[in-house]
Amino acid sequence: MARRKLDRDQLGMYCWFFSVVTVLSLAGVVSWLSLTPKNPGFRISDARFPDSKNHSVHLNGSVPNDSIIFDLEISNPNKRMGIYYSGINLALYRAAGGVVGTNSIPAFYQGYRNTTLFQILIHASQEFWQATNVGKIDFKVRVETAVKFRIIKWKTKLHQISYEQQFINVNISLNRTVSGGNYAETKLENTSKVRVGG
């Protein structure tokens, strides 16, 4: 009788221990998921050309020089994590391949749930403008950066991110006016994994 009571006590203790471990494990998983950083969002919301009077004009405006202004929106979707950017590099490509212009943004910090807009001027080479003589042109912009996430008092390890946005059927005439065109699908790549507390 005493042995049976002992067995029941041991079984009750095992059940209690298993319940505690299960609850702690679930709590750990939820905490880990809530602390897993989400990549920043990149989007080129506008492409336009400098204008001597208005400094910039939107599509269907004249183009007095060889530069293009891109509006780059960078958003941080994380609720409690800031992002340190080590600098952002932009490159303009012809659809057939080959870089025809570059520019960069210096390092900066972005708070959580924040969207930052940069106006970036890229000087396009003559190779790019010569290709427009045939009428419609396809090109793409590639964004590359390395980021660290700030989680409470610590930072993650640095990891690389690259993003691409294509512009299709953009018509640039001989007098450098722009019309038509649309955005193609975008691509986001990560070359290293994010590790919390690294």
N, C-alpha and C. Protein backbone atom coordinates (compact mmCIF):
# COMPACT_ATOMS: atom_id res chain seq x y z
N MET A 1 0.83 -1.20 0.00
CA MET A 1 0.00 0.00 0.00
C MET A 1 0.86 1.26 0.00
N ALA A 2 1.89 1.22 0.84
CA ALA A 2 2.79 2.36 0.91
C ALA A 2 3.54 2.53 -0.39
N ARG A 3 3.91 1.37 -1.01
CA ARG A 3 4.65 1.43 -2.28
C ARG A 3 3.78 2.02 -3.40
N ARG A 4 2.49 1.64 -3.41
CA ARG A 4 1.60 2.17 -4.42
C ARG A 4 1.44 3.69 -4.26
N LYS A 5 1.36 4.15 -3.02
CA LYS A 5 1.27 5.59 -2.78
C LYS A 5 2.53 6.31 -3.22
N LEU A 6 3.67 5.65 -3.00
CA LEU A 6 4.94 6.23 -3.43
C LEU A 6 4.99 6.35 -4.94
N ASP A 7 4.51 5.30 -5.64
CA ASP A 7 4.50 5.34 -7.09
C ASP A 7 3.61 6.48 -7.61
N ARG A 8 2.47 6.67 -6.96
CA ARG A 8 1.58 7.76 -7.37
C ARG A 8 2.23 9.12 -7.14
N ASP A 9 2.94 9.26 -6.02
CA ASP A 9 3.64 10.52 -5.74
C ASP A 9 4.71 10.79 -6.78
N GLN A 10 5.45 9.73 -7.15
CA GLN A 10 6.49 9.89 -8.16
C GLN A 10 5.88 10.25 -9.52
N LEU A 11 4.78 9.59 -9.87
CA LEU A 11 4.10 9.88 -11.13
C LEU A 11 3.59 11.32 -11.16
N GLY A 12 3.02 11.76 -10.03
CA GLY A 12 2.55 13.14 -9.95
C GLY A 12 3.69 14.13 -10.08
N MET A 13 4.85 13.78 -9.49
CA MET A 13 6.01 14.66 -9.58
C MET A 13 6.55 14.73 -11.00
N TYR A 14 6.58 13.59 -11.69
CA TYR A 14 7.03 13.56 -13.07
C TYR A 14 6.09 14.38 -13.96
N CYS A 15 4.79 14.24 -13.75
CA CYS A 15 3.81 15.01 -14.53
C CYS A 15 3.99 16.50 -14.30
N TRP A 16 4.20 16.88 -13.03
CA TRP A 16 4.41 18.29 -12.73
C TRP A 16 5.69 18.81 -13.39
N PHE A 17 6.76 18.02 -13.30
CA PHE A 17 8.04 18.42 -13.91
C PHE A 17 7.89 18.55 -15.42
N PHE A 18 7.20 17.59 -16.05
CA PHE A 18 7.00 17.63 -17.50
C PHE A 18 6.18 18.86 -17.89
N SER A 19 5.17 19.20 -17.11
CA SER A 19 4.34 20.38 -17.39
C SER A 19 5.15 21.66 -17.31
N VAL A 20 6.01 21.75 -16.27
CA VAL A 20 6.85 22.94 -16.13
C VAL A 20 7.81 23.07 -17.30
N VAL A 21 8.45 21.96 -17.69
CA VAL A 21 9.39 21.99 -18.82
C VAL A 21 8.67 22.39 -20.10
N THR A 22 7.47 21.88 -20.31
CA THR A 22 6.69 22.20 -21.52
C THR A 22 6.35 23.68 -21.57
N VAL A 23 5.87 24.21 -20.43
CA VAL A 23 5.51 25.63 -20.38
C VAL A 23 6.74 26.51 -20.62
N LEU A 24 7.86 26.17 -20.00
CA LEU A 24 9.09 26.96 -20.18
C LEU A 24 9.59 26.88 -21.62
N SER A 25 9.48 25.71 -22.22
CA SER A 25 9.90 25.55 -23.62
C SER A 25 9.06 26.38 -24.55
N LEU A 26 7.73 26.35 -24.34
CA LEU A 26 6.84 27.15 -25.17
C LEU A 26 7.11 28.64 -24.99
N ALA A 27 7.35 29.04 -23.76
CA ALA A 27 7.66 30.45 -23.49
C ALA A 27 8.96 30.86 -24.17
N GLY A 28 9.93 29.95 -24.15
CA GLY A 28 11.21 30.23 -24.82
C GLY A 28 11.05 30.36 -26.32
N VAL A 29 10.24 29.49 -26.91
CA VAL A 29 10.00 29.56 -28.36
C VAL A 29 9.32 30.86 -28.73
N VAL A 30 8.30 31.25 -27.97
CA VAL A 30 7.59 32.50 -28.23
C VAL A 30 8.53 33.70 -28.09
N SER A 31 9.36 33.69 -27.06
CA SER A 31 10.32 34.78 -26.86
C SER A 31 11.32 34.84 -28.00
N TRP A 32 11.79 33.67 -28.42
CA TRP A 32 12.78 33.63 -29.52
C TRP A 32 12.17 34.15 -30.81
N LEU A 33 10.92 33.76 -31.09
CA LEU A 33 10.26 34.22 -32.31
C LEU A 33 10.04 35.73 -32.27
N SER A 34 9.71 36.26 -31.09
CA SER A 34 9.47 37.70 -30.98
C SER A 34 10.77 38.49 -31.11
N LEU A 35 11.91 37.85 -30.85
CA LEU A 35 13.21 38.53 -30.95
C LEU A 35 13.93 38.24 -32.26
N THR A 36 13.32 37.47 -33.15
CA THR A 36 13.95 37.18 -34.44
C THR A 36 13.81 38.40 -35.34
N PRO A 37 14.91 39.01 -35.74
CA PRO A 37 14.84 40.23 -36.55
C PRO A 37 14.21 39.98 -37.91
N LYS A 38 13.44 40.97 -38.37
CA LYS A 38 12.90 40.96 -39.73
C LYS A 38 13.74 41.89 -40.58
N ASN A 39 13.99 41.48 -41.81
CA ASN A 39 14.81 42.29 -42.69
C ASN A 39 14.15 43.64 -42.99
N PRO A 40 14.95 44.68 -43.18
CA PRO A 40 14.37 45.96 -43.59
C PRO A 40 13.77 45.84 -44.98
N GLY A 41 12.79 46.70 -45.26
CA GLY A 41 12.17 46.72 -46.59
C GLY A 41 12.77 47.82 -47.43
N PHE A 42 12.99 47.53 -48.71
CA PHE A 42 13.52 48.51 -49.65
C PHE A 42 12.54 48.68 -50.80
N ARG A 43 12.35 49.92 -51.23
CA ARG A 43 11.47 50.16 -52.37
C ARG A 43 11.86 51.45 -53.05
N ILE A 44 12.01 51.41 -54.36
CA ILE A 44 12.26 52.62 -55.13
C ILE A 44 10.90 53.15 -55.57
N SER A 45 10.48 54.25 -54.96
CA SER A 45 9.14 54.75 -55.17
C SER A 45 9.03 55.70 -56.36
N ASP A 46 10.17 56.22 -56.82
CA ASP A 46 10.12 57.15 -57.95
C ASP A 46 11.50 57.22 -58.60
N ALA A 47 11.50 57.45 -59.90
CA ALA A 47 12.72 57.71 -60.67
C ALA A 47 12.45 58.95 -61.50
N ARG A 48 13.33 59.92 -61.41
CA ARG A 48 13.12 61.17 -62.13
C ARG A 48 14.46 61.79 -62.46
N PHE A 49 14.41 62.95 -63.13
CA PHE A 49 15.62 63.57 -63.62
C PHE A 49 15.77 64.99 -63.08
N PRO A 50 16.99 65.44 -62.82
CA PRO A 50 17.21 66.80 -62.33
C PRO A 50 16.73 67.83 -63.34
N ASP A 51 16.23 68.95 -62.83
CA ASP A 51 15.77 70.04 -63.67
C ASP A 51 16.39 71.33 -63.14
N SER A 52 16.89 72.14 -64.02
CA SER A 52 17.61 73.33 -63.59
C SER A 52 16.72 74.31 -62.82
N LYS A 53 15.42 74.32 -63.09
CA LYS A 53 14.52 75.25 -62.40
C LYS A 53 13.95 74.64 -61.12
N ASN A 54 13.42 73.44 -61.24
CA ASN A 54 12.73 72.82 -60.10
C ASN A 54 13.59 71.82 -59.35
N HIS A 55 14.82 71.67 -59.77
CA HIS A 55 15.78 70.73 -59.18
C HIS A 55 15.42 69.28 -59.49
N SER A 56 14.15 68.97 -59.64
CA SER A 56 13.79 67.62 -60.03
C SER A 56 12.40 67.64 -60.66
N VAL A 57 12.23 66.77 -61.63
CA VAL A 57 10.92 66.62 -62.26
C VAL A 57 10.58 65.15 -62.28
N HIS A 58 9.30 64.82 -62.24
CA HIS A 58 8.88 63.44 -62.26
C HIS A 58 8.85 62.93 -63.69
N LEU A 59 8.42 61.71 -63.87
CA LEU A 59 8.36 61.14 -65.21
C LEU A 59 7.59 62.07 -66.14
N ASN A 60 7.98 62.06 -67.41
CA ASN A 60 7.46 62.94 -68.45
C ASN A 60 8.07 64.34 -68.38
N GLY A 61 9.17 64.49 -67.66
CA GLY A 61 9.86 65.77 -67.61
C GLY A 61 11.10 65.74 -68.49
N SER A 62 11.71 66.92 -68.73
CA SER A 62 12.91 66.99 -69.54
C SER A 62 14.13 66.60 -68.73
N VAL A 63 15.19 66.22 -69.41
CA VAL A 63 16.41 65.75 -68.75
C VAL A 63 17.58 66.61 -69.20
N PRO A 64 18.01 67.58 -68.38
CA PRO A 64 19.08 68.47 -68.80
C PRO A 64 20.48 67.91 -68.62
N ASN A 65 20.65 66.82 -67.89
CA ASN A 65 21.99 66.27 -67.71
C ASN A 65 21.94 64.74 -67.69
N ASP A 66 23.04 64.13 -67.30
CA ASP A 66 23.17 62.67 -67.38
C ASP A 66 22.81 61.96 -66.09
N SER A 67 22.14 62.62 -65.18
CA SER A 67 21.86 62.02 -63.87
C SER A 67 20.40 61.63 -63.72
N ILE A 68 20.16 60.63 -62.88
CA ILE A 68 18.81 60.19 -62.54
C ILE A 68 18.69 60.21 -61.02
N ILE A 69 17.56 60.72 -60.52
CA ILE A 69 17.31 60.73 -59.09
C ILE A 69 16.36 59.59 -58.76
N PHE A 70 16.75 58.77 -57.80
CA PHE A 70 15.92 57.67 -57.33
C PHE A 70 15.48 57.95 -55.90
N ASP A 71 14.19 57.80 -55.63
CA ASP A 71 13.67 57.90 -54.27
C ASP A 71 13.68 56.50 -53.67
N LEU A 72 14.54 56.29 -52.69
CA LEU A 72 14.66 54.99 -52.05
C LEU A 72 14.03 55.03 -50.67
N GLU A 73 13.00 54.23 -50.47
CA GLU A 73 12.34 54.12 -49.17
C GLU A 73 12.87 52.89 -48.44
N ILE A 74 13.33 53.10 -47.21
CA ILE A 74 13.84 52.01 -46.38
C ILE A 74 12.99 51.95 -45.12
N SER A 75 12.37 50.81 -44.89
CA SER A 75 11.48 50.68 -43.74
C SER A 75 11.98 49.60 -42.79
N ASN A 76 11.83 49.86 -41.49
CA ASN A 76 12.17 48.90 -40.46
C ASN A 76 10.86 48.33 -39.90
N PRO A 77 10.54 47.06 -40.20
CA PRO A 77 9.26 46.49 -39.76
C PRO A 77 9.26 45.99 -38.32
N ASN A 78 10.41 45.99 -37.68
CA ASN A 78 10.53 45.42 -36.33
C ASN A 78 9.90 46.33 -35.28
N LYS A 79 9.26 45.71 -34.30
CA LYS A 79 8.55 46.47 -33.26
C LYS A 79 9.49 47.04 -32.21
N ARG A 80 10.52 46.29 -31.84
CA ARG A 80 11.39 46.75 -30.75
C ARG A 80 12.87 46.63 -31.11
N MET A 81 13.18 46.72 -32.38
CA MET A 81 14.57 46.57 -32.81
C MET A 81 14.95 47.69 -33.77
N GLY A 82 16.02 48.40 -33.43
CA GLY A 82 16.58 49.38 -34.35
C GLY A 82 17.56 48.69 -35.29
N ILE A 83 17.91 49.37 -36.36
CA ILE A 83 18.82 48.80 -37.35
C ILE A 83 19.98 49.76 -37.61
N TYR A 84 21.20 49.24 -37.52
CA TYR A 84 22.40 49.98 -37.90
C TYR A 84 22.79 49.57 -39.32
N TYR A 85 22.84 50.54 -40.23
CA TYR A 85 23.29 50.30 -41.60
C TYR A 85 24.74 50.75 -41.72
N SER A 86 25.59 49.90 -42.25
CA SER A 86 27.00 50.26 -42.38
C SER A 86 27.25 51.13 -43.61
N GLY A 87 26.21 51.49 -44.30
CA GLY A 87 26.31 52.25 -45.54
C GLY A 87 25.53 51.49 -46.61
N ILE A 88 24.99 52.21 -47.57
CA ILE A 88 24.19 51.58 -48.62
C ILE A 88 24.77 51.96 -49.97
N ASN A 89 25.02 50.97 -50.80
CA ASN A 89 25.54 51.19 -52.14
C ASN A 89 24.45 50.93 -53.17
N LEU A 90 24.30 51.84 -54.12
CA LEU A 90 23.35 51.68 -55.21
C LEU A 90 24.10 51.59 -56.53
N ALA A 91 23.63 50.72 -57.40
CA ALA A 91 24.23 50.57 -58.73
C ALA A 91 23.12 50.50 -59.77
N LEU A 92 23.28 51.26 -60.84
CA LEU A 92 22.35 51.26 -61.96
C LEU A 92 22.90 50.34 -63.04
N TYR A 93 22.08 49.39 -63.49
CA TYR A 93 22.50 48.42 -64.49
C TYR A 93 21.64 48.55 -65.74
N ARG A 94 22.23 48.33 -66.88
CA ARG A 94 21.44 48.08 -68.08
C ARG A 94 20.88 46.68 -68.00
N ALA A 95 19.76 46.46 -68.65
CA ALA A 95 19.14 45.13 -68.61
C ALA A 95 20.06 44.07 -69.20
N ALA A 96 20.85 44.47 -70.18
CA ALA A 96 21.77 43.52 -70.82
C ALA A 96 22.97 43.20 -69.94
N GLY A 97 23.10 43.93 -68.84
CA GLY A 97 24.22 43.70 -67.92
C GLY A 97 25.21 44.84 -67.97
N GLY A 98 25.95 44.99 -66.91
CA GLY A 98 26.95 46.04 -66.85
C GLY A 98 26.49 47.25 -66.06
N VAL A 99 27.33 47.70 -65.14
CA VAL A 99 27.01 48.86 -64.30
C VAL A 99 27.23 50.13 -65.12
N VAL A 100 26.24 51.04 -65.08
CA VAL A 100 26.36 52.29 -65.82
C VAL A 100 26.31 53.51 -64.88
N GLY A 101 26.25 53.27 -63.57
CA GLY A 101 26.28 54.37 -62.62
C GLY A 101 26.16 53.87 -61.19
N THR A 102 26.80 54.56 -60.25
CA THR A 102 26.76 54.16 -58.84
C THR A 102 26.69 55.38 -57.93
N ASN A 103 26.25 55.15 -56.70
CA ASN A 103 26.30 56.16 -55.65
C ASN A 103 26.12 55.43 -54.32
N SER A 104 26.29 56.13 -53.21
CA SER A 104 26.19 55.47 -51.90
C SER A 104 25.62 56.42 -50.86
N ILE A 105 25.15 55.81 -49.76
CA ILE A 105 24.63 56.53 -48.60
C ILE A 105 25.52 56.18 -47.41
N PRO A 106 25.94 57.15 -46.61
CA PRO A 106 26.79 56.83 -45.45
C PRO A 106 26.03 56.05 -44.38
N ALA A 107 26.76 55.51 -43.44
CA ALA A 107 26.17 54.70 -42.36
C ALA A 107 25.17 55.52 -41.55
N PHE A 108 24.12 54.87 -41.06
CA PHE A 108 23.11 55.55 -40.24
C PHE A 108 22.36 54.52 -39.40
N TYR A 109 21.64 55.03 -38.41
CA TYR A 109 20.81 54.20 -37.53
C TYR A 109 19.35 54.51 -37.80
N GLN A 110 18.52 53.48 -37.83
CA GLN A 110 17.08 53.63 -38.06
C GLN A 110 16.30 53.03 -36.90
N GLY A 111 15.43 53.82 -36.29
CA GLY A 111 14.62 53.35 -35.19
C GLY A 111 13.58 52.34 -35.63
N TYR A 112 12.99 51.66 -34.66
CA TYR A 112 12.00 50.63 -34.99
C TYR A 112 10.70 51.26 -35.48
N ARG A 113 10.00 50.50 -36.34
CA ARG A 113 8.75 50.95 -36.95
C ARG A 113 8.93 52.30 -37.63
N ASN A 114 10.02 52.46 -38.35
CA ASN A 114 10.36 53.73 -38.96
C ASN A 114 10.58 53.54 -40.46
N THR A 115 10.23 54.56 -41.26
CA THR A 115 10.51 54.55 -42.70
C THR A 115 11.32 55.79 -43.03
N THR A 116 12.43 55.60 -43.74
CA THR A 116 13.34 56.68 -44.09
C THR A 116 13.39 56.82 -45.61
N LEU A 117 13.33 58.05 -46.10
CA LEU A 117 13.37 58.30 -47.54
C LEU A 117 14.68 58.98 -47.91
N PHE A 118 15.36 58.43 -48.90
CA PHE A 118 16.59 59.03 -49.43
C PHE A 118 16.39 59.37 -50.90
N GLN A 119 16.86 60.54 -51.29
CA GLN A 119 16.88 60.91 -52.71
C GLN A 119 18.32 60.77 -53.17
N ILE A 120 18.53 59.81 -54.05
CA ILE A 120 19.89 59.45 -54.45
C ILE A 120 20.09 59.75 -55.93
N LEU A 121 21.08 60.55 -56.23
CA LEU A 121 21.38 60.92 -57.60
C LEU A 121 22.47 60.00 -58.15
N ILE A 122 22.19 59.36 -59.27
CA ILE A 122 23.17 58.50 -59.92
C ILE A 122 23.51 59.08 -61.28
N HIS A 123 24.79 59.31 -61.51
CA HIS A 123 25.25 59.81 -62.80
C HIS A 123 25.39 58.62 -63.75
N ALA A 124 24.54 58.57 -64.77
CA ALA A 124 24.57 57.46 -65.72
C ALA A 124 25.59 57.72 -66.82
N SER A 125 26.33 56.69 -67.18
CA SER A 125 27.37 56.83 -68.20
C SER A 125 26.75 57.01 -69.59
N GLN A 126 27.59 57.42 -70.54
CA GLN A 126 27.13 57.60 -71.91
C GLN A 126 26.61 56.29 -72.51
N GLU A 127 27.16 55.19 -72.04
CA GLU A 127 26.71 53.88 -72.52
C GLU A 127 25.22 53.69 -72.26
N PHE A 128 24.75 54.19 -71.13
CA PHE A 128 23.34 54.07 -70.80
C PHE A 128 22.49 54.93 -71.73
N TRP A 129 22.93 56.18 -71.94
CA TRP A 129 22.13 57.09 -72.76
C TRP A 129 22.15 56.68 -74.23
N GLN A 130 23.25 56.11 -74.71
CA GLN A 130 23.31 55.64 -76.09
C GLN A 130 22.30 54.53 -76.34
N ALA A 131 22.06 53.72 -75.31
CA ALA A 131 21.10 52.63 -75.46
C ALA A 131 19.68 53.13 -75.59
N THR A 132 19.42 54.36 -75.15
CA THR A 132 18.06 54.89 -75.20
C THR A 132 17.67 55.38 -76.59
N ASN A 133 18.64 55.48 -77.49
CA ASN A 133 18.33 55.98 -78.82
C ASN A 133 17.37 55.07 -79.58
N VAL A 134 17.29 53.82 -79.17
CA VAL A 134 16.40 52.88 -79.85
C VAL A 134 14.98 52.98 -79.30
N GLY A 135 14.74 53.82 -78.32
CA GLY A 135 13.40 53.99 -77.78
C GLY A 135 13.29 53.44 -76.38
N LYS A 136 12.52 52.37 -76.22
CA LYS A 136 12.28 51.82 -74.88
C LYS A 136 13.51 51.10 -74.35
N ILE A 137 13.68 51.21 -73.05
CA ILE A 137 14.85 50.60 -72.42
C ILE A 137 14.44 49.95 -71.10
N ASP A 138 15.08 48.86 -70.77
CA ASP A 138 14.91 48.20 -69.48
C ASP A 138 16.19 48.40 -68.68
N PHE A 139 16.03 48.70 -67.40
CA PHE A 139 17.20 48.80 -66.54
C PHE A 139 16.81 48.37 -65.14
N LYS A 140 17.80 48.21 -64.28
CA LYS A 140 17.54 47.79 -62.91
C LYS A 140 18.46 48.53 -61.95
N VAL A 141 18.01 48.64 -60.71
CA VAL A 141 18.80 49.25 -59.65
C VAL A 141 19.05 48.20 -58.58
N ARG A 142 20.28 48.05 -58.18
CA ARG A 142 20.65 47.09 -57.14
C ARG A 142 21.12 47.84 -55.90
N VAL A 143 20.58 47.43 -54.75
CA VAL A 143 20.94 48.03 -53.46
C VAL A 143 21.65 46.99 -52.63
N GLU A 144 22.79 47.34 -52.07
CA GLU A 144 23.56 46.42 -51.22
C GLU A 144 23.93 47.13 -49.92
N THR A 145 23.80 46.41 -48.82
CA THR A 145 24.15 46.98 -47.52
C THR A 145 24.48 45.87 -46.54
N ALA A 146 25.00 46.24 -45.40
CA ALA A 146 25.23 45.31 -44.29
C ALA A 146 24.60 45.92 -43.06
N VAL A 147 23.90 45.11 -42.27
CA VAL A 147 23.15 45.65 -41.13
C VAL A 147 23.43 44.88 -39.85
N LYS A 148 23.22 45.60 -38.74
CA LYS A 148 23.17 44.99 -37.40
C LYS A 148 21.86 45.41 -36.77
N PHE A 149 21.21 44.48 -36.08
CA PHE A 149 19.98 44.79 -35.38
C PHE A 149 20.28 45.07 -33.91
N ARG A 150 19.70 46.13 -33.39
CA ARG A 150 19.86 46.46 -31.98
C ARG A 150 18.64 45.95 -31.21
N ILE A 151 18.88 45.00 -30.32
CA ILE A 151 17.81 44.39 -29.54
C ILE A 151 18.08 44.69 -28.07
N ILE A 152 17.31 45.58 -27.51
CA ILE A 152 17.49 46.08 -26.14
C ILE A 152 18.89 46.66 -26.01
N LYS A 153 19.83 45.92 -25.37
CA LYS A 153 21.17 46.48 -25.16
C LYS A 153 22.25 45.79 -25.98
N TRP A 154 21.88 44.81 -26.77
CA TRP A 154 22.91 44.14 -27.55
C TRP A 154 22.61 44.21 -29.03
N LYS A 155 23.62 43.89 -29.86
CA LYS A 155 23.50 43.94 -31.32
C LYS A 155 23.77 42.57 -31.91
N THR A 156 23.15 42.31 -33.04
CA THR A 156 23.42 41.06 -33.77
C THR A 156 24.72 41.22 -34.54
N LYS A 157 25.17 40.12 -35.08
CA LYS A 157 26.33 40.18 -35.96
C LYS A 157 25.95 40.85 -37.28
N LEU A 158 26.94 41.40 -37.95
CA LEU A 158 26.73 42.06 -39.23
C LEU A 158 26.37 41.03 -40.29
N HIS A 159 25.34 41.32 -41.08
CA HIS A 159 25.02 40.42 -42.19
C HIS A 159 24.63 41.24 -43.41
N GLN A 160 24.88 40.65 -44.57
CA GLN A 160 24.72 41.34 -45.85
C GLN A 160 23.29 41.18 -46.39
N ILE A 161 22.82 42.24 -47.03
CA ILE A 161 21.51 42.22 -47.68
C ILE A 161 21.66 42.86 -49.05
N SER A 162 21.04 42.29 -50.06
CA SER A 162 21.00 42.91 -51.38
C SER A 162 19.58 42.87 -51.92
N TYR A 163 19.24 43.89 -52.70
CA TYR A 163 17.88 44.07 -53.19
C TYR A 163 17.95 44.56 -54.63
N GLU A 164 17.00 44.14 -55.44
CA GLU A 164 16.99 44.52 -56.84
C GLU A 164 15.60 44.95 -57.27
N GLN A 165 15.53 46.02 -58.04
CA GLN A 165 14.25 46.44 -58.61
C GLN A 165 14.46 46.76 -60.07
N GLN A 166 13.59 46.22 -60.92
CA GLN A 166 13.71 46.40 -62.35
C GLN A 166 12.70 47.40 -62.87
N PHE A 167 13.10 48.12 -63.91
CA PHE A 167 12.23 49.06 -64.61
C PHE A 167 12.10 48.57 -66.05
N ILE A 168 10.88 48.38 -66.52
CA ILE A 168 10.64 47.76 -67.81
C ILE A 168 9.91 48.72 -68.74
N ASN A 169 10.34 48.72 -70.01
CA ASN A 169 9.69 49.50 -71.07
C ASN A 169 9.64 51.00 -70.76
N VAL A 170 10.74 51.51 -70.26
CA VAL A 170 10.84 52.95 -70.02
C VAL A 170 11.29 53.60 -71.33
N ASN A 171 10.58 54.61 -71.79
CA ASN A 171 10.88 55.26 -73.05
C ASN A 171 11.58 56.59 -72.80
N ILE A 172 12.83 56.69 -73.24
CA ILE A 172 13.60 57.93 -73.12
C ILE A 172 13.93 58.39 -74.54
N SER A 173 13.40 59.55 -74.92
CA SER A 173 13.57 60.02 -76.29
C SER A 173 14.94 60.67 -76.47
N LEU A 174 15.22 61.09 -77.71
CA LEU A 174 16.51 61.69 -78.01
C LEU A 174 16.72 63.00 -77.24
N ASN A 175 15.64 63.73 -76.95
CA ASN A 175 15.79 64.96 -76.17
C ASN A 175 15.68 64.68 -74.67
N ARG A 176 15.74 63.39 -74.33
CA ARG A 176 15.77 62.94 -72.93
C ARG A 176 14.52 63.32 -72.15
N THR A 177 13.40 62.99 -72.72
CA THR A 177 12.16 63.02 -71.96
C THR A 177 11.76 61.58 -71.71
N VAL A 178 11.10 61.35 -70.58
CA VAL A 178 10.78 60.00 -70.15
C VAL A 178 9.27 59.81 -70.13
N SER A 179 8.83 58.66 -70.60
CA SER A 179 7.40 58.35 -70.54
C SER A 179 7.22 56.86 -70.42
N GLY A 180 6.07 56.46 -69.89
CA GLY A 180 5.75 55.03 -69.78
C GLY A 180 6.63 54.34 -68.76
N GLY A 181 6.65 53.04 -68.86
CA GLY A 181 7.47 52.23 -67.97
C GLY A 181 6.69 51.72 -66.78
N ASN A 182 7.16 50.64 -66.21
CA ASN A 182 6.58 50.09 -65.00
C ASN A 182 7.65 49.35 -64.23
N TYR A 183 7.31 48.97 -62.99
CA TYR A 183 8.25 48.27 -62.14
C TYR A 183 8.05 46.77 -62.28
N ALA A 184 9.15 46.06 -62.31
CA ALA A 184 9.09 44.61 -62.33
C ALA A 184 9.15 44.09 -60.90
N GLU A 185 9.08 42.78 -60.76
CA GLU A 185 9.13 42.21 -59.42
C GLU A 185 10.51 42.44 -58.81
N THR A 186 10.54 42.50 -57.49
CA THR A 186 11.77 42.79 -56.77
C THR A 186 12.35 41.52 -56.15
N LYS A 187 13.59 41.61 -55.77
CA LYS A 187 14.27 40.45 -55.21
C LYS A 187 15.10 40.87 -54.01
N LEU A 188 15.01 40.12 -52.94
CA LEU A 188 15.78 40.38 -51.73
C LEU A 188 16.61 39.16 -51.42
N GLU A 189 17.89 39.35 -51.19
CA GLU A 189 18.79 38.24 -50.89
C GLU A 189 19.50 38.50 -49.58
N ASN A 190 19.73 37.42 -48.85
CA ASN A 190 20.54 37.49 -47.62
C ASN A 190 21.73 36.56 -47.80
N THR A 191 22.91 37.08 -47.59
CA THR A 191 24.10 36.26 -47.75
C THR A 191 24.60 35.70 -46.42
N SER A 192 23.98 36.08 -45.33
CA SER A 192 24.33 35.50 -44.04
C SER A 192 23.13 35.56 -43.13
N LYS A 193 23.08 34.68 -42.16
CA LYS A 193 21.93 34.59 -41.26
C LYS A 193 22.05 35.56 -40.10
N VAL A 194 20.91 35.98 -39.60
CA VAL A 194 20.88 36.87 -38.43
C VAL A 194 20.92 36.02 -37.18
N ARG A 195 21.78 36.39 -36.26
CA ARG A 195 21.86 35.67 -34.99
C ARG A 195 21.65 36.64 -33.85
N VAL A 196 20.68 36.38 -33.04
CA VAL A 196 20.37 37.26 -31.91
C VAL A 196 21.44 37.14 -30.85
N GLY A 197 21.89 38.28 -30.35
CA GLY A 197 22.86 38.29 -29.26
C GLY A 197 24.28 38.03 -29.70
N GLY A 198 24.52 38.09 -31.03
CA GLY A 198 25.86 37.82 -31.54
C GLY A 198 26.77 39.01 -31.41
